[in-house]
Amino acid sequence: MAEVKFKPNEDRVLVEPAQAEEKTAGGIIIPDTAKEKPQRGTVVAVGPGKKDEPITLNVGDSVFYGKYSGTEIQIDGTDYLIMRASDVLGSI
């Protein structure tokens, strides 16, 4: 995970999505057209939070989020998702 020079506003977090699965558990290779959008990623940057709602996520946390959460952006050639901290379902 490279250092990103991006600071999200308020209660937003920047997440680097995990790579989509290449094979099934049985060894079948999944074509690009059939791959599902990942719902797991790593927090890369965290905003300061709102006055009454501090953010409980930290950089480096592995998180799960909704399938259609966030907005896709590209920074220095790498794809990221920026979303509200409330869009994150949980962390591991």
Protein backbone atom coordinates (compact mmCIF):
# COMPACT_ATOMS: atom_id res chain seq x y z
CA MET A 1 0.00 0.00 0.00
CA ALA A 2 1.62 3.21 -1.20
CA GLU A 3 1.38 6.58 0.52
CA VAL A 4 -1.46 8.62 -1.00
CA LYS A 5 -1.42 12.41 -0.91
CA PHE A 6 -5.18 12.73 -0.61
CA LYS A 7 -7.08 13.88 2.47
CA PRO A 8 -10.83 13.11 2.47
CA ASN A 9 -13.24 15.71 3.84
CA GLU A 10 -15.36 15.28 6.96
CA ASP A 11 -16.64 11.72 7.43
CA ARG A 12 -15.28 10.24 4.21
CA VAL A 13 -12.73 7.46 3.78
CA LEU A 14 -10.58 6.44 0.81
CA VAL A 15 -10.57 2.67 0.24
CA GLU A 16 -8.40 0.60 -2.08
CA PRO A 17 -10.64 -2.28 -3.27
CA ALA A 18 -9.31 -5.84 -3.05
CA GLN A 19 -8.60 -7.68 -6.29
CA ALA A 20 -11.50 -9.64 -7.76
CA GLU A 21 -11.26 -13.42 -7.50
CA GLU A 22 -9.44 -15.03 -10.47
CA LYS A 23 -10.50 -18.64 -9.75
CA THR A 24 -13.30 -20.43 -7.93
CA ALA A 25 -12.61 -22.77 -5.02
CA GLY A 26 -12.82 -25.68 -7.49
CA GLY A 27 -10.13 -24.16 -9.73
CA ILE A 28 -12.33 -22.81 -12.52
CA ILE A 29 -10.93 -19.59 -14.00
CA ILE A 30 -13.43 -16.71 -13.94
CA PRO A 31 -13.47 -14.53 -17.11
CA ASP A 32 -13.27 -10.76 -16.71
CA THR A 33 -16.88 -10.30 -17.83
CA ALA A 34 -18.19 -12.58 -15.05
CA LYS A 35 -16.14 -11.21 -12.14
CA GLU A 36 -18.12 -9.64 -9.34
CA LYS A 37 -17.29 -6.22 -8.00
CA PRO A 38 -15.28 -6.67 -4.77
CA GLN A 39 -16.95 -5.69 -1.49
CA ARG A 40 -13.77 -5.68 0.54
CA GLY A 41 -10.82 -3.31 0.68
CA THR A 42 -8.20 -1.51 2.72
CA VAL A 43 -8.59 2.00 4.16
CA VAL A 44 -5.91 4.26 2.67
CA ALA A 45 -6.94 7.69 4.02
CA VAL A 46 -9.45 8.93 6.62
CA GLY A 47 -11.09 12.33 6.98
CA PRO A 48 -11.21 14.20 10.31
CA GLY A 49 -14.86 13.29 10.98
CA LYS A 50 -17.73 15.56 11.93
CA LYS A 51 -17.91 17.57 15.13
CA ASP A 52 -20.37 15.19 16.85
CA GLU A 53 -19.37 12.01 14.97
CA PRO A 54 -15.71 10.96 15.17
CA ILE A 55 -14.52 8.33 12.68
CA THR A 56 -13.60 4.98 14.21
CA LEU A 57 -11.70 3.67 11.16
CA ASN A 58 -7.93 3.87 10.82
CA VAL A 59 -5.56 3.73 7.87
CA GLY A 60 -4.73 0.10 7.12
CA ASP A 61 -8.04 -1.35 8.37
CA SER A 62 -9.48 -4.12 6.19
CA VAL A 63 -13.17 -3.31 5.66
CA PHE A 64 -16.36 -4.61 4.04
CA TYR A 65 -18.71 -2.22 2.24
CA GLY A 66 -21.91 -2.41 0.19
CA LYS A 67 -21.74 -3.56 -3.43
CA TYR A 68 -22.68 -0.16 -4.84
CA SER A 69 -21.12 2.05 -2.14
CA GLY A 70 -18.78 4.89 -2.87
CA THR A 71 -17.54 6.73 -5.92
CA GLU A 72 -14.73 5.34 -8.04
CA ILE A 73 -11.77 7.69 -8.48
CA GLN A 74 -8.26 7.27 -9.84
CA ILE A 75 -5.20 8.75 -8.16
CA ASP A 76 -1.75 8.29 -9.75
CA GLY A 77 -3.04 5.44 -11.91
CA THR A 78 -4.54 3.46 -9.00
CA ASP A 79 -8.29 2.91 -8.61
CA TYR A 80 -9.87 3.82 -5.27
CA LEU A 81 -13.34 4.25 -3.79
CA ILE A 82 -14.26 7.28 -1.73
CA MET A 83 -17.25 6.79 0.56
CA ARG A 84 -18.80 7.95 3.78
CA ALA A 85 -17.65 6.10 6.89
CA SER A 86 -21.28 5.07 7.43
CA ASP A 87 -21.17 3.13 4.11
CA VAL A 88 -18.59 0.79 5.64
CA LEU A 89 -20.38 -2.28 6.99
CA GLY A 90 -17.57 -3.44 9.28
CA SER A 91 -13.87 -4.10 9.64
CA ILE A 92 -11.70 -7.13 10.34
